[in-house]
Amino acid sequence: MQLEGKAGFSISEAYDAARISRAGFYRHFDDHAPQQSATELRHEIQQICLNSRCYGYRRVTAALRAQGRIVNRKRVLRLMRSDNLLCLRKRRFVCTTDSRHTYAVYPNLTRDWKPTAINQLWVSDLTYIRLRESLLYLAVILDAYSRRVIGWALGESLNTELTVEALQQALAERSISSSSVHHSDRGVQYCAKEYVDLLKTHGFQISMSRTGNPYDNAVAESFMRTLKCEEVYLTSYRDRDDALLRIEDFLNRIYNCERLHSTLGYLTPAAYEAKVCKQNREILP
């Protein structure tokens, strides 16, 4: 049986017209097609790494598959390593928690519990950001189910006003229920009367990590590591205004709407919330 080419004549006639043998054609294909395919794939990987800065090979693989590429992540790792595209993370820990205070503390309500819906569990944390000549402090609140940043505040002092501002922003954006849990460490900024009273006014159940155990607030700790490694350590901020603009862009655009999250099946937090709400036929909170 003869196979018909696109021009309406057989494959054998095409070989004759081009004055090549079938074996010669396939030898040329075997020699050059894989290299061309690898070059195209490397180009696509480089574009993803340029746009997303600190993606590891797993997220790059997920991004390629989202574009319709059928690719093995081991191959992506090999190509990224050969092109020196694997990100190197700084490992450092700075404590911003002062639990030496006389305020009441609350038990941890989140041990061995994973939220199953949006707004069931909010987690909060603080970190510092170094400028050229001073420090800034960032308070952040995330929805633990979708990993989305829902409230944040940047200031020059590590005080209760900073955490209150972040909480007020989150409350302005979200609706909660009487079963909603707010989890934090035992720092004075979260145990202070002003902050606790605001939580109680809105009906939160209050939860706090055990003393000296950052794993109790693993979702927030993981986010802070991502923020430092993918934004703060890569940027030299001129001043407070510059830091404010860049961090706002990272939180609201890059992290919430563009960065693929492995825990969410390689969706962004915004896309994950939209998917969940669509499945439940709800309106985004």
C-alpha atoms as a PDB file:
ATOM      1  CA  MET A   1       0.000   0.000   0.000  1.00  0.00           C
ATOM      2  CA  GLN A   2       1.308   3.427  -0.940  1.00  0.00           C
ATOM      3  CA  LEU A   3       1.152   6.346   1.454  1.00  0.00           C
ATOM      4  CA  GLU A   4       0.042   9.586  -0.104  1.00  0.00           C
ATOM      5  CA  GLY A   5       2.032  12.766   0.630  1.00  0.00           C
ATOM      6  CA  LYS A   6       0.463  16.164   1.250  1.00  0.00           C
ATOM      7  CA  ALA A   7       1.100  17.209  -2.346  1.00  0.00           C
ATOM      8  CA  GLY A   8      -0.928  14.265  -3.666  1.00  0.00           C
ATOM      9  CA  PHE A   9       1.908  11.886  -4.593  1.00  0.00           C
ATOM     10  CA  SER A  10       3.435   8.942  -2.785  1.00  0.00           C
ATOM     11  CA  ILE A  11       6.255   9.083  -0.246  1.00  0.00           C
ATOM     12  CA  SER A  12       8.437   7.063  -2.609  1.00  0.00           C
ATOM     13  CA  GLU A  13       7.893   9.620  -5.375  1.00  0.00           C
ATOM     14  CA  ALA A  14       8.850  12.361  -2.935  1.00  0.00           C
ATOM     15  CA  TYR A  15      12.138  10.598  -2.169  1.00  0.00           C
ATOM     16  CA  ASP A  16      12.813  10.238  -5.909  1.00  0.00           C
ATOM     17  CA  ALA A  17      12.038  13.903  -6.585  1.00  0.00           C
ATOM     18  CA  ALA A  18      14.419  14.995  -3.811  1.00  0.00           C
ATOM     19  CA  ARG A  19      17.041  12.495  -5.010  1.00  0.00           C
ATOM     20  CA  ILE A  20      17.457  10.897  -1.595  1.00  0.00           C
ATOM     21  CA  SER A  21      16.935   7.384  -0.341  1.00  0.00           C
ATOM     22  CA  ARG A  22      14.486   6.448   2.376  1.00  0.00           C
ATOM     23  CA  ALA A  23      17.376   5.249   4.571  1.00  0.00           C
ATOM     24  CA  GLY A  24      19.280   8.498   3.966  1.00  0.00           C
ATOM     25  CA  PHE A  25      16.280  10.552   4.987  1.00  0.00           C
ATOM     26  CA  TYR A  26      15.866   8.697   8.274  1.00  0.00           C
ATOM     27  CA  ARG A  27      19.589   8.865   9.002  1.00  0.00           C
ATOM     28  CA  HIS A  28      19.420  12.643   8.591  1.00  0.00           C
ATOM     29  CA  PHE A  29      16.287  12.783  10.746  1.00  0.00           C
ATOM     30  CA  ASP A  30      17.884  10.712  13.522  1.00  0.00           C
ATOM     31  CA  ASP A  31      21.001  12.898  13.466  1.00  0.00           C
ATOM     32  CA  HIS A  32      19.300  16.311  13.503  1.00  0.00           C
ATOM     33  CA  ALA A  33      15.692  16.156  14.762  1.00  0.00           C
ATOM     34  CA  PRO A  34      16.583  15.308  18.403  1.00  0.00           C
ATOM     35  CA  GLN A  35      19.054  18.208  18.570  1.00  0.00           C
ATOM     36  CA  GLN A  36      16.500  20.589  17.089  1.00  0.00           C
ATOM     37  CA  SER A  37      13.884  19.384  19.571  1.00  0.00           C
ATOM     38  CA  ALA A  38      16.313  19.813  22.476  1.00  0.00           C
ATOM     39  CA  THR A  39      17.203  23.332  21.293  1.00  0.00           C
ATOM     40  CA  GLU A  40      13.528  24.309  21.154  1.00  0.00           C
ATOM     41  CA  LEU A  41      12.933  22.850  24.612  1.00  0.00           C
ATOM     42  CA  ARG A  42      15.956  24.654  26.070  1.00  0.00           C
ATOM     43  CA  HIS A  43      14.687  27.914  24.586  1.00  0.00           C
ATOM     44  CA  GLU A  44      11.275  27.420  26.194  1.00  0.00           C
ATOM     45  CA  ILE A  45      12.900  26.558  29.551  1.00  0.00           C
ATOM     46  CA  GLN A  46      15.046  29.689  29.393  1.00  0.00           C
ATOM     47  CA  GLN A  47      12.000  31.847  28.676  1.00  0.00           C
ATOM     48  CA  ILE A  48      10.151  30.380  31.672  1.00  0.00           C
ATOM     49  CA  CYS A  49      13.176  30.920  33.929  1.00  0.00           C
ATOM     50  CA  LEU A  50      13.556  34.510  32.731  1.00  0.00           C
ATOM     51  CA  ASN A  51       9.887  35.267  33.375  1.00  0.00           C
ATOM     52  CA  SER A  52       9.628  33.414  36.664  1.00  0.00           C
ATOM     53  CA  ARG A  53      13.128  34.001  38.022  1.00  0.00           C
ATOM     54  CA  CYS A  54      13.436  31.300  40.700  1.00  0.00           C
ATOM     55  CA  TYR A  55      11.428  28.367  39.408  1.00  0.00           C
ATOM     56  CA  GLY A  56      12.998  24.991  40.137  1.00  0.00           C
ATOM     57  CA  TYR A  57      12.890  22.162  37.636  1.00  0.00           C
ATOM     58  CA  ARG A  58       9.596  20.776  38.976  1.00  0.00           C
ATOM     59  CA  ARG A  59       7.744  24.067  38.444  1.00  0.00           C
ATOM     60  CA  VAL A  60       9.405  24.542  35.050  1.00  0.00           C
ATOM     61  CA  THR A  61       8.192  21.057  34.084  1.00  0.00           C
ATOM     62  CA  ALA A  62       4.667  21.943  35.227  1.00  0.00           C
ATOM     63  CA  ALA A  63       4.769  25.200  33.237  1.00  0.00           C
ATOM     64  CA  LEU A  64       5.911  23.329  30.112  1.00  0.00           C
ATOM     65  CA  ARG A  65       3.133  20.782  30.493  1.00  0.00           C
ATOM     66  CA  ALA A  66       0.617  23.594  30.918  1.00  0.00           C
ATOM     67  CA  GLN A  67       1.806  24.871  27.532  1.00  0.00           C
ATOM     68  CA  GLY A  68       1.145  21.463  25.974  1.00  0.00           C
ATOM     69  CA  ARG A  69       4.689  20.090  26.110  1.00  0.00           C
ATOM     70  CA  ILE A  70       5.032  16.386  26.938  1.00  0.00           C
ATOM     71  CA  VAL A  71       8.295  16.333  28.837  1.00  0.00           C
ATOM     72  CA  ASN A  72       9.954  14.352  31.611  1.00  0.00           C
ATOM     73  CA  ARG A  73      11.081  16.370  34.615  1.00  0.00           C
ATOM     74  CA  LYS A  74      14.405  14.503  34.729  1.00  0.00           C
ATOM     75  CA  ARG A  75      15.119  15.814  31.233  1.00  0.00           C
ATOM     76  CA  VAL A  76      14.192  19.327  32.335  1.00  0.00           C
ATOM     77  CA  LEU A  77      16.532  18.995  35.336  1.00  0.00           C
ATOM     78  CA  ARG A  78      19.363  17.821  33.075  1.00  0.00           C
ATOM     79  CA  LEU A  79      18.905  20.716  30.636  1.00  0.00           C
ATOM     80  CA  MET A  80      18.577  23.295  33.403  1.00  0.00           C
ATOM     81  CA  ARG A  81      21.725  22.006  35.085  1.00  0.00           C
ATOM     82  CA  SER A  82      23.676  22.129  31.821  1.00  0.00           C
ATOM     83  CA  ASP A  83      22.502  25.714  31.200  1.00  0.00           C
ATOM     84  CA  ASN A  84      23.185  26.760  34.812  1.00  0.00           C
ATOM     85  CA  LEU A  85      19.524  27.652  35.408  1.00  0.00           C
ATOM     86  CA  LEU A  86      19.053  25.897  38.726  1.00  0.00           C
ATOM     87  CA  CYS A  87      18.435  28.480  41.455  1.00  0.00           C
ATOM     88  CA  LEU A  88      20.677  28.542  44.528  1.00  0.00           C
ATOM     89  CA  ARG A  89      18.880  29.425  47.733  1.00  0.00           C
ATOM     90  CA  LYS A  90      20.383  31.186  50.699  1.00  0.00           C
ATOM     91  CA  ARG A  91      19.743  29.402  53.965  1.00  0.00           C
ATOM     92  CA  ARG A  92      19.465  31.753  56.863  1.00  0.00           C
ATOM     93  CA  PHE A  93      17.168  32.243  59.831  1.00  0.00           C
ATOM     94  CA  VAL A  94      16.549  35.453  61.728  1.00  0.00           C
ATOM     95  CA  CYS A  95      14.184  35.463  64.698  1.00  0.00           C
ATOM     96  CA  THR A  96      11.612  38.272  64.770  1.00  0.00           C
ATOM     97  CA  THR A  97       9.524  36.691  67.534  1.00  0.00           C
ATOM     98  CA  ASP A  98       9.621  38.082  71.065  1.00  0.00           C
ATOM     99  CA  SER A  99       7.562  35.770  73.274  1.00  0.00           C
ATOM    100  CA  ARG A 100       8.896  37.232  76.531  1.00  0.00           C
ATOM    101  CA  HIS A 101       5.745  39.079  77.550  1.00  0.00           C
ATOM    102  CA  THR A 102       2.923  38.885  80.080  1.00  0.00           C
ATOM    103  CA  TYR A 103       0.017  38.652  77.610  1.00  0.00           C
ATOM    104  CA  ALA A 104      -2.153  35.535  77.485  1.00  0.00           C
ATOM    105  CA  VAL A 105      -1.254  32.862  74.945  1.00  0.00           C
ATOM    106  CA  TYR A 106      -3.580  30.371  73.271  1.00  0.00           C
ATOM    107  CA  PRO A 107      -3.230  26.642  72.503  1.00  0.00           C
ATOM    108  CA  ASN A 108      -2.396  25.343  69.062  1.00  0.00           C
ATOM    109  CA  LEU A 109      -5.636  24.348  67.311  1.00  0.00           C
ATOM    110  CA  THR A 110      -4.015  23.370  64.021  1.00  0.00           C
ATOM    111  CA  ARG A 111      -1.976  20.284  64.911  1.00  0.00           C
ATOM    112  CA  ASP A 112      -2.770  17.403  62.526  1.00  0.00           C
ATOM    113  CA  TRP A 113      -5.511  19.510  60.914  1.00  0.00           C
ATOM    114  CA  LYS A 114      -5.622  20.551  57.284  1.00  0.00           C
ATOM    115  CA  PRO A 115      -8.240  23.077  56.138  1.00  0.00           C
ATOM    116  CA  THR A 116     -10.713  21.894  53.528  1.00  0.00           C
ATOM    117  CA  ALA A 117     -12.095  25.248  52.388  1.00  0.00           C
ATOM    118  CA  ILE A 118     -11.215  28.897  51.887  1.00  0.00           C
ATOM    119  CA  ASN A 119     -11.242  31.058  55.043  1.00  0.00           C
ATOM    120  CA  GLN A 120     -11.181  28.127  57.453  1.00  0.00           C
ATOM    121  CA  LEU A 121      -7.638  28.929  58.581  1.00  0.00           C
ATOM    122  CA  TRP A 122      -5.614  32.138  58.317  1.00  0.00           C
ATOM    123  CA  VAL A 123      -1.937  32.071  59.221  1.00  0.00           C
ATOM    124  CA  SER A 124       0.254  35.076  59.960  1.00  0.00           C
ATOM    125  CA  ASP A 125       3.921  35.858  60.364  1.00  0.00           C
ATOM    126  CA  LEU A 126       6.529  38.635  60.458  1.00  0.00           C
ATOM    127  CA  THR A 127       9.884  39.098  58.782  1.00  0.00           C
ATOM    128  CA  TYR A 128      12.450  41.810  58.198  1.00  0.00           C
ATOM    129  CA  ILE A 129      13.673  43.346  54.925  1.00  0.00           C
ATOM    130  CA  ARG A 130      17.069  44.989  54.727  1.00  0.00           C
ATOM    131  CA  LEU A 131      17.499  48.310  52.959  1.00  0.00           C
ATOM    132  CA  ARG A 132      20.849  49.952  52.292  1.00  0.00           C
ATOM    133  CA  GLU A 133      20.868  51.862  55.559  1.00  0.00           C
ATOM    134  CA  SER A 134      17.951  50.525  57.616  1.00  0.00           C
ATOM    135  CA  LEU A 135      15.458  47.713  58.121  1.00  0.00           C
ATOM    136  CA  LEU A 136      11.795  47.371  57.264  1.00  0.00           C
ATOM    137  CA  TYR A 137       9.352  44.855  58.713  1.00  0.00           C
ATOM    138  CA  LEU A 138       6.659  42.949  56.857  1.00  0.00           C
ATOM    139  CA  ALA A 139       3.542  41.398  58.391  1.00  0.00           C
ATOM    140  CA  VAL A 140       1.651  38.933  56.197  1.00  0.00           C
ATOM    141  CA  ILE A 141      -1.589  36.935  56.485  1.00  0.00           C
ATOM    142  CA  LEU A 142      -2.297  33.961  54.217  1.00  0.00           C
ATOM    143  CA  ASP A 143      -5.257  31.704  53.641  1.00  0.00           C
ATOM    144  CA  ALA A 144      -3.734  28.330  54.557  1.00  0.00           C
ATOM    145  CA  TYR A 145      -6.035  26.424  52.194  1.00  0.00           C
ATOM    146  CA  SER A 146      -5.180  28.322  48.999  1.00  0.00           C
ATOM    147  CA  ARG A 147      -1.806  29.754  50.170  1.00  0.00           C
ATOM    148  CA  ARG A 148      -2.982  33.155  48.941  1.00  0.00           C
ATOM    149  CA  VAL A 149      -1.703  36.365  50.530  1.00  0.00           C
ATOM    150  CA  ILE A 150      -4.837  38.144  51.764  1.00  0.00           C
ATOM    151  CA  GLY A 151      -3.342  40.866  53.960  1.00  0.00           C
ATOM    152  CA  TRP A 152       0.029  42.507  54.475  1.00  0.00           C
ATOM    153  CA  ALA A 153       1.658  45.623  55.857  1.00  0.00           C
ATOM    154  CA  LEU A 154       5.152  47.083  55.584  1.00  0.00           C
ATOM    155  CA  GLY A 155       6.563  49.399  58.233  1.00  0.00           C
ATOM    156  CA  GLU A 156       9.653  50.718  59.928  1.00  0.00           C
ATOM    157  CA  SER A 157       8.791  49.402  63.403  1.00  0.00           C
ATOM    158  CA  LEU A 158       8.154  45.885  64.619  1.00  0.00           C
ATOM    159  CA  ASN A 159       5.039  46.747  66.585  1.00  0.00           C
ATOM    160  CA  THR A 160       1.401  45.784  67.041  1.00  0.00           C
ATOM    161  CA  GLU A 161       0.209  48.499  64.649  1.00  0.00           C
ATOM    162  CA  LEU A 162       1.940  46.634  61.829  1.00  0.00           C
ATOM    163  CA  THR A 163       0.153  43.330  62.447  1.00  0.00           C
ATOM    164  CA  VAL A 164      -3.162  45.100  63.044  1.00  0.00           C
ATOM    165  CA  GLU A 165      -2.864  46.854  59.678  1.00  0.00           C
ATOM    166  CA  ALA A 166      -2.271  43.529  57.896  1.00  0.00           C
ATOM    167  CA  LEU A 167      -5.235  41.945  59.689  1.00  0.00           C
ATOM    168  CA  GLN A 168      -7.527  44.864  58.861  1.00  0.00           C
ATOM    169  CA  GLN A 169      -6.595  44.596  55.186  1.00  0.00           C
ATOM    170  CA  ALA A 170      -7.441  40.887  55.187  1.00  0.00           C
ATOM    171  CA  LEU A 171     -10.754  41.493  56.962  1.00  0.00           C
ATOM    172  CA  ALA A 172     -11.664  44.141  54.397  1.00  0.00           C
ATOM    173  CA  GLU A 173     -11.123  41.609  51.594  1.00  0.00           C
ATOM    174  CA  ARG A 174     -12.643  38.471  53.116  1.00  0.00           C
ATOM    175  CA  SER A 175     -15.720  37.187  54.884  1.00  0.00           C
ATOM    176  CA  ILE A 176     -15.234  34.721  57.735  1.00  0.00           C
ATOM    177  CA  SER A 177     -17.437  32.472  59.852  1.00  0.00           C
ATOM    178  CA  SER A 178     -17.558  31.723  63.564  1.00  0.00           C
ATOM    179  CA  SER A 179     -15.487  28.588  62.961  1.00  0.00           C
ATOM    180  CA  SER A 180     -12.615  30.442  61.254  1.00  0.00           C
ATOM    181  CA  VAL A 181      -9.217  30.016  62.945  1.00  0.00           C
ATOM    182  CA  HIS A 182      -6.411  32.573  63.103  1.00  0.00           C
ATOM    183  CA  HIS A 183      -2.995  31.035  63.772  1.00  0.00           C
ATOM    184  CA  SER A 184       0.261  32.816  64.646  1.00  0.00           C
ATOM    185  CA  ASP A 185       3.350  32.449  66.779  1.00  0.00           C
ATOM    186  CA  ARG A 186       3.420  33.687  70.376  1.00  0.00           C
ATOM    187  CA  GLY A 187       5.094  36.986  69.550  1.00  0.00           C
ATOM    188  CA  VAL A 188       4.043  40.065  71.453  1.00  0.00           C
ATOM    189  CA  GLN A 189       2.619  41.617  68.256  1.00  0.00           C
ATOM    190  CA  TYR A 190       0.015  38.805  68.060  1.00  0.00           C
ATOM    191  CA  CYS A 191      -0.688  38.460  71.778  1.00  0.00           C
ATOM    192  CA  ALA A 192      -1.155  42.185  72.399  1.00  0.00           C
ATOM    193  CA  LYS A 193      -4.623  43.234  73.571  1.00  0.00           C
ATOM    194  CA  GLU A 194      -5.352  45.373  70.497  1.00  0.00           C
ATOM    195  CA  TYR A 195      -4.710  42.465  68.125  1.00  0.00           C
ATOM    196  CA  VAL A 196      -6.520  39.836  70.194  1.00  0.00           C
ATOM    197  CA  ASP A 197      -9.534  42.105  70.683  1.00  0.00           C
ATOM    198  CA  LEU A 198      -9.783  42.595  66.910  1.00  0.00           C
ATOM    199  CA  LEU A 199      -9.744  38.826  66.404  1.00  0.00           C
ATOM    200  CA  LYS A 200     -12.432  38.299  69.042  1.00  0.00           C
ATOM    201  CA  THR A 201     -14.601  41.079  67.616  1.00  0.00           C
ATOM    202  CA  HIS A 202     -14.745  39.233  64.296  1.00  0.00           C
ATOM    203  CA  GLY A 203     -15.385  35.856  65.912  1.00  0.00           C
ATOM    204  CA  PHE A 204     -12.058  34.134  65.261  1.00  0.00           C
ATOM    205  CA  GLN A 205     -10.903  31.096  67.163  1.00  0.00           C
ATOM    206  CA  ILE A 206      -7.356  31.996  68.205  1.00  0.00           C
ATOM    207  CA  SER A 207      -4.509  29.522  67.777  1.00  0.00           C
ATOM    208  CA  MET A 208      -0.793  29.927  68.522  1.00  0.00           C
ATOM    209  CA  SER A 209       2.326  27.846  67.957  1.00  0.00           C
ATOM    210  CA  ARG A 210       4.083  26.084  70.772  1.00  0.00           C
ATOM    211  CA  THR A 211       7.124  27.823  72.245  1.00  0.00           C
ATOM    212  CA  GLY A 212      10.161  27.649  69.957  1.00  0.00           C
ATOM    213  CA  ASN A 213       8.442  25.437  67.370  1.00  0.00           C
ATOM    214  CA  PRO A 214       8.338  27.118  63.921  1.00  0.00           C
ATOM    215  CA  TYR A 215       6.947  23.929  62.348  1.00  0.00           C
ATOM    216  CA  ASP A 216       3.596  24.713  63.977  1.00  0.00           C
ATOM    217  CA  ASN A 217       3.328  27.610  61.537  1.00  0.00           C
ATOM    218  CA  ALA A 218       4.857  25.804  58.562  1.00  0.00           C
ATOM    219  CA  VAL A 219       2.635  27.402  55.879  1.00  0.00           C
ATOM    220  CA  ALA A 220       3.642  30.924  56.866  1.00  0.00           C
ATOM    221  CA  GLU A 221       7.299  29.952  57.350  1.00  0.00           C
ATOM    222  CA  SER A 222       7.369  28.374  53.889  1.00  0.00           C
ATOM    223  CA  PHE A 223       5.904  31.515  52.349  1.00  0.00           C
ATOM    224  CA  MET A 224       8.486  33.731  54.048  1.00  0.00           C
ATOM    225  CA  ARG A 225      11.272  31.538  52.680  1.00  0.00           C
ATOM    226  CA  THR A 226       9.807  31.887  49.190  1.00  0.00           C
ATOM    227  CA  LEU A 227       9.538  35.660  49.582  1.00  0.00           C
ATOM    228  CA  LYS A 228      13.149  35.970  50.723  1.00  0.00           C
ATOM    229  CA  CYS A 229      14.641  33.640  48.104  1.00  0.00           C
ATOM    230  CA  GLU A 230      12.594  34.791  45.114  1.00  0.00           C
ATOM    231  CA  GLU A 231      12.332  38.515  45.817  1.00  0.00           C
ATOM    232  CA  VAL A 232      14.196  40.009  48.781  1.00  0.00           C
ATOM    233  CA  TYR A 233      17.597  38.347  48.338  1.00  0.00           C
ATOM    234  CA  LEU A 234      17.559  39.167  44.613  1.00  0.00           C
ATOM    235  CA  THR A 235      16.806  42.871  45.001  1.00  0.00           C
ATOM    236  CA  SER A 236      18.684  45.868  46.336  1.00  0.00           C
ATOM    237  CA  TYR A 237      15.980  48.299  47.474  1.00  0.00           C
ATOM    238  CA  ARG A 238      16.840  51.989  47.251  1.00  0.00           C
ATOM    239  CA  ASP A 239      14.468  53.119  49.987  1.00  0.00           C
ATOM    240  CA  ARG A 240      11.129  52.373  51.644  1.00  0.00           C
ATOM    241  CA  ASP A 241       9.058  53.493  48.642  1.00  0.00           C
ATOM    242  CA  ASP A 242      11.058  51.283  46.285  1.00  0.00           C
ATOM    243  CA  ALA A 243      10.672  48.309  48.615  1.00  0.00           C
ATOM    244  CA  LEU A 244       6.934  48.963  48.966  1.00  0.00           C
ATOM    245  CA  LEU A 245       6.366  48.979  45.193  1.00  0.00           C
ATOM    246  CA  ARG A 246       8.444  45.893  44.513  1.00  0.00           C
ATOM    247  CA  ILE A 247       7.080  43.821  47.373  1.00  0.00           C
ATOM    248  CA  GLU A 248       3.508  44.800  46.520  1.00  0.00           C
ATOM    249  CA  ASP A 249       4.112  43.633  42.949  1.00  0.00           C
ATOM    250  CA  PHE A 250       5.600  40.344  44.136  1.00  0.00           C
ATOM    251  CA  LEU A 251       2.789  39.593  46.566  1.00  0.00           C
ATOM    252  CA  ASN A 252      -0.220  40.649  44.505  1.00  0.00           C
ATOM    253  CA  ARG A 253       0.903  39.827  40.972  1.00  0.00           C
ATOM    254  CA  ILE A 254       3.737  37.305  40.988  1.00  0.00           C
ATOM    255  CA  TYR A 255       2.998  35.174  44.053  1.00  0.00           C
ATOM    256  CA  ASN A 256      -0.803  35.272  44.040  1.00  0.00           C
ATOM    257  CA  CYS A 257      -1.422  35.239  40.281  1.00  0.00           C
ATOM    258  CA  GLU A 258       1.633  33.915  38.416  1.00  0.00           C
ATOM    259  CA  ARG A 259       3.748  31.633  40.594  1.00  0.00           C
ATOM    260  CA  LEU A 260       2.835  27.936  40.328  1.00  0.00           C
ATOM    261  CA  HIS A 261       2.487  26.273  43.733  1.00  0.00           C
ATOM    262  CA  SER A 262       3.430  22.604  44.067  1.00  0.00           C
ATOM    263  CA  THR A 263       1.014  22.033  46.965  1.00  0.00           C
ATOM    264  CA  LEU A 264      -1.861  23.296  44.807  1.00  0.00           C
ATOM    265  CA  GLY A 265      -1.185  20.910  41.930  1.00  0.00           C
ATOM    266  CA  TYR A 266       0.955  23.541  40.205  1.00  0.00           C
ATOM    267  CA  LEU A 267      -1.752  26.172  40.078  1.00  0.00           C
ATOM    268  CA  THR A 268      -1.398  29.721  41.328  1.00  0.00           C
ATOM    269  CA  PRO A 269      -3.241  30.603  44.567  1.00  0.00           C
ATOM    270  CA  ALA A 270      -5.669  32.804  42.610  1.00  0.00           C
ATOM    271  CA  ALA A 271      -6.329  30.091  40.025  1.00  0.00           C
ATOM    272  CA  TYR A 272      -6.764  27.480  42.743  1.00  0.00           C
ATOM    273  CA  GLU A 273      -9.354  29.583  44.562  1.00  0.00           C
ATOM    274  CA  ALA A 274     -11.190  30.217  41.293  1.00  0.00           C
ATOM    275  CA  LYS A 275     -11.200  26.481  40.544  1.00  0.00           C
ATOM    276  CA  VAL A 276     -12.516  25.581  43.999  1.00  0.00           C
ATOM    277  CA  CYS A 277     -15.224  28.235  43.871  1.00  0.00           C
ATOM    278  CA  LYS A 278     -16.281  27.126  40.398  1.00  0.00           C
ATOM    279  CA  GLN A 279     -16.560  23.522  41.555  1.00  0.00           C
ATOM    280  CA  ASN A 280     -18.642  24.624  44.547  1.00  0.00           C
ATOM    281  CA  ARG A 281     -20.531  27.210  42.476  1.00  0.00           C
ATOM    282  CA  GLU A 282     -19.533  29.935  44.892  1.00  0.00           C
ATOM    283  CA  ILE A 283     -18.453  33.540  44.488  1.00  0.00           C
ATOM    284  CA  LEU A 284     -14.864  34.326  45.416  1.00  0.00           C
ATOM    285  CA  PRO A 285     -14.782  35.731  48.957  1.00  0.00           C
END
